[in-house]
Amino acid sequence: MCISLVVKLTRSRDDHYRNHQLIAHHALIMEECIFCKIVKGEVPSSKIYEDDLVIAFMDIKPVNPGHALVVSKEHQKYISDLDDKSTARLISVAGKINKALRKSEIRCEDVNYFLADGEVAGQEVAHAHLHIIPRFKNDGFGLKFPAEYGKMLSGEELNKSASNIIKYLDE
């Protein structure tokens, strides 16, 4: 019994130490995160919208003029780590910006919403954000699809993927 108590105490101390390391690491990331600095007002931005959950500003490396970002005020790398209210606000603010772009004098025939959720997906700043990109014919921007894109999958293959996703939806 004494041995297991010591092991439990050791694990508890190790977990406590690891938790402090994670908290310190998260604080360091937030301290260095350019979007967190914009949210805090430490770095200037061309802000177009702000409320209690999100901020929107112009992208400094735009695909086209009018390219804006809607950024969560909470530092989370993945959109899946945001609460539902923050995620919904990202989308609703993007819709407002979309409408404003279409009425503005900025060249905008259509609009892309682009969300890169992780580095492999193309996320350049590790902070949840959504791009609103005004588009026009022959603007040079586009997505590159793999050679097998367009291949129709069987219902069985689609159902297998669907059921794999469904079992994790409520977690």
N, C-alpha and C. Protein backbone atom coordinates (compact mmCIF):
# COMPACT_ATOMS: atom_id res chain seq x y z
N MET A 1 0.82 -1.20 0.00
CA MET A 1 0.00 0.00 0.00
C MET A 1 0.86 1.25 0.00
N CYS A 2 1.93 1.26 0.76
CA CYS A 2 2.81 2.43 0.79
C CYS A 2 3.45 2.67 -0.56
N ILE A 3 3.83 1.58 -1.22
CA ILE A 3 4.47 1.73 -2.53
C ILE A 3 3.50 2.35 -3.53
N SER A 4 2.26 1.90 -3.54
CA SER A 4 1.32 2.46 -4.50
C SER A 4 1.01 3.91 -4.17
N LEU A 5 1.02 4.27 -2.90
CA LEU A 5 0.79 5.65 -2.50
C LEU A 5 1.92 6.53 -3.02
N VAL A 6 3.17 6.04 -2.91
CA VAL A 6 4.33 6.79 -3.40
C VAL A 6 4.23 6.96 -4.92
N VAL A 7 3.84 5.90 -5.61
CA VAL A 7 3.70 5.98 -7.06
C VAL A 7 2.63 6.99 -7.43
N LYS A 8 1.53 6.96 -6.71
CA LYS A 8 0.46 7.92 -6.99
C LYS A 8 0.93 9.35 -6.73
N LEU A 9 1.66 9.56 -5.65
CA LEU A 9 2.17 10.90 -5.36
C LEU A 9 3.16 11.34 -6.42
N THR A 10 4.03 10.43 -6.84
CA THR A 10 5.01 10.76 -7.87
C THR A 10 4.31 11.11 -9.17
N ARG A 11 3.33 10.31 -9.55
CA ARG A 11 2.57 10.61 -10.76
C ARG A 11 1.89 11.96 -10.63
N SER A 12 1.32 12.21 -9.47
CA SER A 12 0.63 13.47 -9.26
C SER A 12 1.59 14.64 -9.41
N ARG A 13 2.79 14.53 -8.82
CA ARG A 13 3.79 15.60 -8.96
C ARG A 13 4.22 15.75 -10.42
N ASP A 14 4.45 14.61 -11.10
CA ASP A 14 4.84 14.66 -12.51
C ASP A 14 3.75 15.30 -13.36
N ASP A 15 2.50 14.91 -13.11
CA ASP A 15 1.38 15.51 -13.85
C ASP A 15 1.30 17.00 -13.59
N HIS A 16 1.49 17.37 -12.33
CA HIS A 16 1.44 18.79 -11.95
C HIS A 16 2.56 19.55 -12.69
N TYR A 17 3.76 18.97 -12.71
CA TYR A 17 4.88 19.59 -13.40
C TYR A 17 4.59 19.71 -14.90
N ARG A 18 4.05 18.61 -15.51
CA ARG A 18 3.72 18.65 -16.93
C ARG A 18 2.66 19.71 -17.23
N ASN A 19 1.67 19.81 -16.35
CA ASN A 19 0.63 20.83 -16.52
C ASN A 19 1.23 22.23 -16.50
N HIS A 20 2.16 22.46 -15.57
CA HIS A 20 2.81 23.77 -15.53
C HIS A 20 3.63 24.03 -16.79
N GLN A 21 4.28 22.97 -17.30
CA GLN A 21 5.02 23.13 -18.55
C GLN A 21 4.08 23.49 -19.70
N LEU A 22 2.94 22.80 -19.78
CA LEU A 22 1.97 23.08 -20.84
C LEU A 22 1.43 24.50 -20.73
N ILE A 23 1.13 24.92 -19.51
CA ILE A 23 0.61 26.28 -19.31
C ILE A 23 1.67 27.31 -19.72
N ALA A 24 2.92 27.07 -19.33
CA ALA A 24 4.01 27.99 -19.69
C ALA A 24 4.21 28.01 -21.20
N HIS A 25 4.15 26.83 -21.84
CA HIS A 25 4.30 26.75 -23.29
C HIS A 25 3.17 27.50 -24.00
N HIS A 26 1.93 27.30 -23.53
CA HIS A 26 0.78 27.99 -24.11
C HIS A 26 0.93 29.51 -23.95
N ALA A 27 1.39 29.95 -22.78
CA ALA A 27 1.59 31.39 -22.54
C ALA A 27 2.66 31.94 -23.49
N LEU A 28 3.73 31.17 -23.72
CA LEU A 28 4.78 31.60 -24.62
C LEU A 28 4.25 31.73 -26.05
N ILE A 29 3.46 30.72 -26.48
CA ILE A 29 2.87 30.78 -27.82
C ILE A 29 2.00 32.02 -27.95
N MET A 30 1.16 32.27 -26.95
CA MET A 30 0.27 33.43 -27.01
C MET A 30 1.08 34.73 -27.04
N GLU A 31 2.18 34.74 -26.28
CA GLU A 31 3.03 35.93 -26.23
C GLU A 31 3.67 36.21 -27.60
N GLU A 32 3.96 35.15 -28.35
CA GLU A 32 4.61 35.29 -29.64
C GLU A 32 3.63 35.33 -30.81
N CYS A 33 2.38 34.96 -30.59
CA CYS A 33 1.40 34.85 -31.66
C CYS A 33 1.00 36.24 -32.18
N ILE A 34 1.21 36.47 -33.47
CA ILE A 34 0.91 37.77 -34.06
C ILE A 34 -0.58 38.12 -33.94
N PHE A 35 -1.47 37.12 -34.06
CA PHE A 35 -2.89 37.41 -33.95
C PHE A 35 -3.26 37.77 -32.51
N CYS A 36 -2.63 37.12 -31.52
CA CYS A 36 -2.88 37.49 -30.12
C CYS A 36 -2.42 38.93 -29.86
N LYS A 37 -1.30 39.31 -30.47
CA LYS A 37 -0.81 40.68 -30.32
C LYS A 37 -1.77 41.68 -30.96
N ILE A 38 -2.36 41.32 -32.10
CA ILE A 38 -3.36 42.19 -32.74
C ILE A 38 -4.59 42.29 -31.86
N VAL A 39 -5.06 41.16 -31.33
CA VAL A 39 -6.23 41.16 -30.44
C VAL A 39 -5.99 42.08 -29.24
N LYS A 40 -4.78 42.05 -28.66
CA LYS A 40 -4.44 42.87 -27.49
C LYS A 40 -4.16 44.33 -27.85
N GLY A 41 -4.07 44.63 -29.15
CA GLY A 41 -3.78 45.99 -29.58
C GLY A 41 -2.29 46.32 -29.53
N GLU A 42 -1.45 45.30 -29.42
CA GLU A 42 0.00 45.51 -29.36
C GLU A 42 0.62 45.68 -30.74
N VAL A 43 -0.08 45.22 -31.76
CA VAL A 43 0.37 45.33 -33.15
C VAL A 43 -0.77 45.97 -33.93
N PRO A 44 -0.46 46.97 -34.75
CA PRO A 44 -1.54 47.62 -35.51
C PRO A 44 -2.12 46.71 -36.59
N SER A 45 -3.37 46.96 -36.90
CA SER A 45 -4.04 46.24 -37.99
C SER A 45 -5.04 47.18 -38.63
N SER A 46 -5.45 46.82 -39.81
CA SER A 46 -6.53 47.56 -40.49
C SER A 46 -7.83 46.85 -40.14
N LYS A 47 -8.31 47.16 -38.94
CA LYS A 47 -9.47 46.47 -38.37
C LYS A 47 -10.75 46.89 -39.07
N ILE A 48 -11.60 45.89 -39.37
CA ILE A 48 -12.89 46.18 -39.98
C ILE A 48 -14.06 45.75 -39.11
N TYR A 49 -13.79 44.93 -38.07
CA TYR A 49 -14.87 44.47 -37.19
C TYR A 49 -14.25 43.96 -35.89
N GLU A 50 -14.99 44.16 -34.79
CA GLU A 50 -14.56 43.58 -33.52
C GLU A 50 -15.76 43.46 -32.60
N ASP A 51 -15.82 42.33 -31.89
CA ASP A 51 -16.81 42.15 -30.82
C ASP A 51 -16.14 41.36 -29.71
N ASP A 52 -16.91 40.78 -28.82
CA ASP A 52 -16.34 40.08 -27.67
C ASP A 52 -15.66 38.76 -28.04
N LEU A 53 -15.96 38.17 -29.19
CA LEU A 53 -15.42 36.86 -29.55
C LEU A 53 -14.43 36.86 -30.71
N VAL A 54 -14.60 37.79 -31.64
CA VAL A 54 -13.75 37.79 -32.84
C VAL A 54 -13.31 39.20 -33.20
N ILE A 55 -12.29 39.23 -34.03
CA ILE A 55 -11.82 40.48 -34.62
C ILE A 55 -11.58 40.19 -36.10
N ALA A 56 -11.84 41.16 -36.94
CA ALA A 56 -11.59 41.00 -38.38
C ALA A 56 -10.73 42.16 -38.85
N PHE A 57 -9.78 41.84 -39.70
CA PHE A 57 -8.88 42.87 -40.23
C PHE A 57 -8.37 42.43 -41.60
N MET A 58 -7.75 43.36 -42.29
CA MET A 58 -7.24 43.09 -43.64
C MET A 58 -5.98 42.23 -43.55
N ASP A 59 -5.85 41.28 -44.48
CA ASP A 59 -4.67 40.42 -44.56
C ASP A 59 -3.52 41.24 -45.13
N ILE A 60 -2.34 41.18 -44.49
CA ILE A 60 -1.20 41.98 -44.98
C ILE A 60 -0.54 41.36 -46.22
N LYS A 61 -0.89 40.10 -46.51
CA LYS A 61 -0.40 39.44 -47.73
C LYS A 61 -1.62 38.94 -48.50
N PRO A 62 -2.41 39.86 -49.05
CA PRO A 62 -3.69 39.46 -49.65
C PRO A 62 -3.54 38.71 -50.98
N VAL A 63 -4.46 37.77 -51.17
CA VAL A 63 -4.58 37.12 -52.47
C VAL A 63 -5.05 38.15 -53.48
N ASN A 64 -6.05 38.94 -53.09
CA ASN A 64 -6.61 40.03 -53.89
C ASN A 64 -6.91 41.19 -52.94
N PRO A 65 -7.00 42.41 -53.44
CA PRO A 65 -7.41 43.52 -52.58
C PRO A 65 -8.76 43.21 -51.93
N GLY A 66 -8.88 43.53 -50.65
CA GLY A 66 -10.10 43.25 -49.90
C GLY A 66 -10.04 41.95 -49.11
N HIS A 67 -8.98 41.17 -49.26
CA HIS A 67 -8.79 39.91 -48.54
C HIS A 67 -8.73 40.20 -47.04
N ALA A 68 -9.68 39.65 -46.31
CA ALA A 68 -9.78 39.89 -44.87
C ALA A 68 -9.66 38.60 -44.08
N LEU A 69 -9.36 38.73 -42.80
CA LEU A 69 -9.28 37.60 -41.88
C LEU A 69 -10.26 37.83 -40.74
N VAL A 70 -10.98 36.79 -40.35
CA VAL A 70 -11.79 36.83 -39.13
C VAL A 70 -11.08 35.89 -38.16
N VAL A 71 -10.70 36.43 -37.02
CA VAL A 71 -9.84 35.74 -36.07
C VAL A 71 -10.54 35.60 -34.73
N SER A 72 -10.45 34.42 -34.16
CA SER A 72 -10.98 34.21 -32.81
C SER A 72 -10.13 35.01 -31.82
N LYS A 73 -10.77 35.63 -30.84
CA LYS A 73 -10.00 36.34 -29.81
C LYS A 73 -9.34 35.35 -28.85
N GLU A 74 -9.91 34.17 -28.74
CA GLU A 74 -9.33 33.12 -27.91
C GLU A 74 -8.24 32.43 -28.70
N HIS A 75 -7.07 32.26 -28.10
CA HIS A 75 -5.99 31.59 -28.81
C HIS A 75 -6.23 30.08 -28.81
N GLN A 76 -6.59 29.58 -29.96
CA GLN A 76 -6.70 28.14 -30.21
C GLN A 76 -6.13 27.92 -31.60
N LYS A 77 -5.35 26.87 -31.75
CA LYS A 77 -4.76 26.57 -33.06
C LYS A 77 -5.83 26.10 -34.04
N TYR A 78 -6.68 25.18 -33.59
CA TYR A 78 -7.66 24.56 -34.47
C TYR A 78 -9.06 25.11 -34.23
N ILE A 79 -9.81 25.24 -35.29
CA ILE A 79 -11.20 25.69 -35.14
C ILE A 79 -11.99 24.67 -34.30
N SER A 80 -11.61 23.42 -34.38
CA SER A 80 -12.30 22.38 -33.59
C SER A 80 -12.08 22.54 -32.09
N ASP A 81 -11.12 23.36 -31.69
CA ASP A 81 -10.89 23.62 -30.26
C ASP A 81 -11.68 24.82 -29.75
N LEU A 82 -12.31 25.56 -30.67
CA LEU A 82 -13.15 26.69 -30.26
C LEU A 82 -14.51 26.18 -29.81
N ASP A 83 -15.18 26.94 -28.95
CA ASP A 83 -16.54 26.55 -28.58
C ASP A 83 -17.47 26.88 -29.75
N ASP A 84 -18.67 26.31 -29.71
CA ASP A 84 -19.62 26.48 -30.81
C ASP A 84 -19.98 27.94 -31.06
N LYS A 85 -20.07 28.72 -29.99
CA LYS A 85 -20.45 30.13 -30.13
C LYS A 85 -19.37 30.91 -30.90
N SER A 86 -18.11 30.65 -30.59
CA SER A 86 -17.02 31.34 -31.30
C SER A 86 -16.95 30.90 -32.76
N THR A 87 -17.14 29.61 -33.00
CA THR A 87 -17.12 29.11 -34.37
C THR A 87 -18.26 29.73 -35.18
N ALA A 88 -19.45 29.78 -34.60
CA ALA A 88 -20.60 30.38 -35.29
C ALA A 88 -20.35 31.86 -35.56
N ARG A 89 -19.71 32.54 -34.62
CA ARG A 89 -19.44 33.97 -34.82
C ARG A 89 -18.45 34.19 -35.95
N LEU A 90 -17.42 33.33 -36.06
CA LEU A 90 -16.48 33.44 -37.20
C LEU A 90 -17.25 33.43 -38.52
N ILE A 91 -18.17 32.49 -38.63
CA ILE A 91 -18.93 32.33 -39.88
C ILE A 91 -19.89 33.50 -40.10
N SER A 92 -20.58 33.93 -39.05
CA SER A 92 -21.55 35.02 -39.24
C SER A 92 -20.86 36.33 -39.58
N VAL A 93 -19.71 36.60 -38.98
CA VAL A 93 -18.97 37.82 -39.30
C VAL A 93 -18.43 37.73 -40.73
N ALA A 94 -17.98 36.55 -41.12
CA ALA A 94 -17.53 36.36 -42.51
C ALA A 94 -18.66 36.69 -43.48
N GLY A 95 -19.87 36.30 -43.14
CA GLY A 95 -21.03 36.61 -43.98
C GLY A 95 -21.27 38.10 -44.10
N LYS A 96 -21.10 38.83 -43.00
CA LYS A 96 -21.26 40.29 -43.03
C LYS A 96 -20.20 40.93 -43.92
N ILE A 97 -18.97 40.43 -43.80
CA ILE A 97 -17.88 40.97 -44.61
C ILE A 97 -18.11 40.64 -46.09
N ASN A 98 -18.59 39.44 -46.36
CA ASN A 98 -18.92 39.04 -47.73
C ASN A 98 -19.92 40.03 -48.34
N LYS A 99 -20.99 40.32 -47.62
CA LYS A 99 -22.00 41.27 -48.12
C LYS A 99 -21.39 42.65 -48.35
N ALA A 100 -20.57 43.09 -47.41
CA ALA A 100 -19.94 44.41 -47.54
C ALA A 100 -18.99 44.45 -48.74
N LEU A 101 -18.22 43.40 -48.94
CA LEU A 101 -17.31 43.34 -50.10
C LEU A 101 -18.08 43.48 -51.40
N ARG A 102 -19.20 42.77 -51.50
CA ARG A 102 -19.98 42.78 -52.74
C ARG A 102 -20.60 44.15 -53.02
N LYS A 103 -20.85 44.94 -51.98
CA LYS A 103 -21.40 46.30 -52.15
C LYS A 103 -20.31 47.34 -52.33
N SER A 104 -19.10 47.00 -51.93
CA SER A 104 -18.00 47.98 -51.95
C SER A 104 -17.49 48.24 -53.36
N GLU A 105 -16.54 49.13 -53.46
CA GLU A 105 -15.90 49.44 -54.74
C GLU A 105 -14.74 48.50 -55.03
N ILE A 106 -14.48 47.55 -54.12
CA ILE A 106 -13.42 46.56 -54.32
C ILE A 106 -13.88 45.56 -55.38
N ARG A 107 -12.98 45.21 -56.28
CA ARG A 107 -13.33 44.25 -57.32
C ARG A 107 -13.66 42.90 -56.68
N CYS A 108 -14.90 42.47 -56.87
CA CYS A 108 -15.38 41.25 -56.21
C CYS A 108 -16.56 40.67 -56.98
N GLU A 109 -16.29 39.65 -57.77
CA GLU A 109 -17.36 38.97 -58.49
C GLU A 109 -17.95 37.85 -57.63
N ASP A 110 -17.11 37.19 -56.87
CA ASP A 110 -17.51 36.12 -55.96
C ASP A 110 -16.57 36.13 -54.76
N VAL A 111 -16.80 35.22 -53.82
CA VAL A 111 -16.00 35.20 -52.59
C VAL A 111 -15.65 33.76 -52.22
N ASN A 112 -14.40 33.57 -51.82
CA ASN A 112 -13.98 32.31 -51.22
C ASN A 112 -13.84 32.50 -49.72
N TYR A 113 -14.31 31.49 -48.97
CA TYR A 113 -13.98 31.38 -47.55
C TYR A 113 -12.91 30.29 -47.51
N PHE A 114 -11.82 30.57 -46.84
CA PHE A 114 -10.75 29.58 -46.74
C PHE A 114 -10.32 29.44 -45.30
N LEU A 115 -10.40 28.22 -44.80
CA LEU A 115 -9.98 27.93 -43.44
C LEU A 115 -8.97 26.79 -43.48
N ALA A 116 -7.73 27.09 -43.18
CA ALA A 116 -6.69 26.07 -43.11
C ALA A 116 -6.56 25.67 -41.64
N ASP A 117 -6.97 24.46 -41.33
CA ASP A 117 -7.02 23.99 -39.94
C ASP A 117 -5.83 23.08 -39.67
N GLY A 118 -4.66 23.68 -39.47
CA GLY A 118 -3.43 22.94 -39.23
C GLY A 118 -2.41 23.21 -40.34
N GLU A 119 -1.16 22.96 -39.99
CA GLU A 119 -0.05 23.27 -40.89
C GLU A 119 -0.12 22.54 -42.22
N VAL A 120 -0.44 21.25 -42.20
CA VAL A 120 -0.52 20.47 -43.44
C VAL A 120 -1.63 21.02 -44.35
N ALA A 121 -2.66 21.60 -43.74
CA ALA A 121 -3.76 22.18 -44.51
C ALA A 121 -3.42 23.58 -45.04
N GLY A 122 -2.25 24.10 -44.67
CA GLY A 122 -1.83 25.41 -45.16
C GLY A 122 -1.93 26.54 -44.15
N GLN A 123 -2.19 26.21 -42.89
CA GLN A 123 -2.29 27.25 -41.85
C GLN A 123 -0.91 27.83 -41.59
N GLU A 124 -0.78 29.14 -41.78
CA GLU A 124 0.51 29.81 -41.59
C GLU A 124 0.65 30.41 -40.21
N VAL A 125 -0.46 30.81 -39.59
CA VAL A 125 -0.44 31.33 -38.21
C VAL A 125 -1.25 30.35 -37.37
N ALA A 126 -0.62 29.81 -36.34
CA ALA A 126 -1.24 28.77 -35.52
C ALA A 126 -2.27 29.36 -34.55
N HIS A 127 -3.30 29.95 -35.12
CA HIS A 127 -4.37 30.60 -34.36
C HIS A 127 -5.61 30.52 -35.26
N ALA A 128 -6.70 29.99 -34.75
CA ALA A 128 -7.90 29.78 -35.57
C ALA A 128 -8.35 31.07 -36.26
N HIS A 129 -8.48 30.99 -37.59
CA HIS A 129 -8.92 32.16 -38.36
C HIS A 129 -9.51 31.72 -39.70
N LEU A 130 -10.32 32.59 -40.25
CA LEU A 130 -11.01 32.33 -41.51
C LEU A 130 -10.69 33.45 -42.50
N HIS A 131 -10.26 33.06 -43.69
CA HIS A 131 -9.98 34.03 -44.76
C HIS A 131 -11.26 34.31 -45.54
N ILE A 132 -11.50 35.57 -45.87
CA ILE A 132 -12.57 35.96 -46.78
C ILE A 132 -11.86 36.61 -47.96
N ILE A 133 -11.93 35.95 -49.12
CA ILE A 133 -11.13 36.37 -50.27
C ILE A 133 -12.05 36.78 -51.42
N PRO A 134 -12.04 38.08 -51.78
CA PRO A 134 -12.80 38.49 -52.96
C PRO A 134 -12.17 37.90 -54.21
N ARG A 135 -13.01 37.41 -55.10
CA ARG A 135 -12.52 36.76 -56.31
C ARG A 135 -13.07 37.43 -57.55
N PHE A 136 -12.32 37.35 -58.62
CA PHE A 136 -12.78 37.81 -59.92
C PHE A 136 -12.15 36.93 -60.99
N LYS A 137 -12.78 36.87 -62.13
CA LYS A 137 -12.34 36.00 -63.21
C LYS A 137 -10.88 36.26 -63.56
N ASN A 138 -10.12 35.18 -63.70
CA ASN A 138 -8.70 35.22 -64.08
C ASN A 138 -7.83 35.97 -63.08
N ASP A 139 -8.17 35.89 -61.79
CA ASP A 139 -7.35 36.57 -60.78
C ASP A 139 -6.08 35.78 -60.42
N GLY A 140 -5.94 34.57 -60.95
CA GLY A 140 -4.73 33.79 -60.73
C GLY A 140 -4.74 32.92 -59.49
N PHE A 141 -5.75 33.02 -58.66
CA PHE A 141 -5.83 32.22 -57.45
C PHE A 141 -6.67 30.99 -57.71
N GLY A 142 -6.30 29.88 -57.10
CA GLY A 142 -7.09 28.66 -57.23
C GLY A 142 -6.53 27.54 -56.38
N LEU A 143 -7.27 26.48 -56.32
CA LEU A 143 -6.83 25.30 -55.59
C LEU A 143 -6.31 24.27 -56.58
N LYS A 144 -5.29 23.56 -56.18
CA LYS A 144 -4.73 22.51 -57.03
C LYS A 144 -5.27 21.18 -56.53
N PHE A 145 -5.94 20.44 -57.41
CA PHE A 145 -6.53 19.16 -57.06
C PHE A 145 -5.62 18.02 -57.52
N PRO A 146 -5.59 16.93 -56.75
CA PRO A 146 -4.78 15.78 -57.17
C PRO A 146 -5.37 15.12 -58.42
N ALA A 147 -4.56 14.32 -59.09
CA ALA A 147 -4.98 13.68 -60.35
C ALA A 147 -6.24 12.84 -60.17
N GLU A 148 -6.40 12.20 -59.02
CA GLU A 148 -7.56 11.33 -58.81
C GLU A 148 -8.83 12.09 -58.41
N TYR A 149 -8.74 13.42 -58.31
CA TYR A 149 -9.92 14.21 -57.99
C TYR A 149 -10.99 14.01 -59.07
N GLY A 150 -12.21 13.89 -58.64
CA GLY A 150 -13.30 13.71 -59.58
C GLY A 150 -13.73 12.26 -59.72
N LYS A 151 -12.91 11.34 -59.19
CA LYS A 151 -13.26 9.92 -59.23
C LYS A 151 -14.44 9.71 -58.28
N MET A 152 -15.52 9.17 -58.81
CA MET A 152 -16.71 8.91 -57.99
C MET A 152 -16.45 7.72 -57.08
N LEU A 153 -16.77 7.88 -55.81
CA LEU A 153 -16.65 6.77 -54.87
C LEU A 153 -17.96 6.00 -54.81
N SER A 154 -17.86 4.75 -54.44
CA SER A 154 -19.06 3.92 -54.31
C SER A 154 -19.83 4.33 -53.05
N GLY A 155 -21.10 3.99 -53.02
CA GLY A 155 -21.91 4.26 -51.84
C GLY A 155 -21.33 3.59 -50.62
N GLU A 156 -20.77 2.39 -50.79
CA GLU A 156 -20.16 1.66 -49.68
C GLU A 156 -18.97 2.44 -49.10
N GLU A 157 -18.12 2.97 -49.99
CA GLU A 157 -16.96 3.76 -49.54
C GLU A 157 -17.41 5.03 -48.83
N LEU A 158 -18.41 5.71 -49.39
CA LEU A 158 -18.93 6.93 -48.76
C LEU A 158 -19.55 6.63 -47.40
N ASN A 159 -20.33 5.55 -47.32
CA ASN A 159 -20.97 5.18 -46.05
C ASN A 159 -19.95 4.79 -44.99
N LYS A 160 -18.87 4.15 -45.40
CA LYS A 160 -17.80 3.77 -44.46
C LYS A 160 -17.17 5.04 -43.85
N SER A 161 -16.87 6.02 -44.70
CA SER A 161 -16.31 7.29 -44.20
C SER A 161 -17.32 8.01 -43.31
N ALA A 162 -18.58 8.03 -43.75
CA ALA A 162 -19.63 8.72 -42.98
C ALA A 162 -19.77 8.10 -41.60
N SER A 163 -19.83 6.78 -41.51
CA SER A 163 -20.01 6.15 -40.20
C SER A 163 -18.79 6.33 -39.32
N ASN A 164 -17.61 6.41 -39.92
CA ASN A 164 -16.39 6.66 -39.15
C ASN A 164 -16.42 8.06 -38.52
N ILE A 165 -16.94 9.02 -39.23
CA ILE A 165 -17.06 10.39 -38.71
C ILE A 165 -18.18 10.48 -37.68
N ILE A 166 -19.32 9.87 -37.98
CA ILE A 166 -20.50 9.96 -37.10
C ILE A 166 -20.19 9.47 -35.69
N LYS A 167 -19.40 8.42 -35.55
CA LYS A 167 -19.15 7.88 -34.21
C LYS A 167 -18.36 8.84 -33.33
N TYR A 168 -17.75 9.88 -33.89
CA TYR A 168 -16.98 10.85 -33.11
C TYR A 168 -17.64 12.23 -33.04
N LEU A 169 -18.80 12.40 -33.62
CA LEU A 169 -19.44 13.73 -33.66
C LEU A 169 -19.78 14.28 -32.28
N ASP A 170 -20.17 13.45 -31.35
CA ASP A 170 -20.61 13.96 -30.05
C ASP A 170 -19.49 14.03 -29.01
N GLU A 171 -18.26 13.75 -29.40
CA GLU A 171 -17.17 13.79 -28.43
C GLU A 171 -16.64 15.17 -28.23
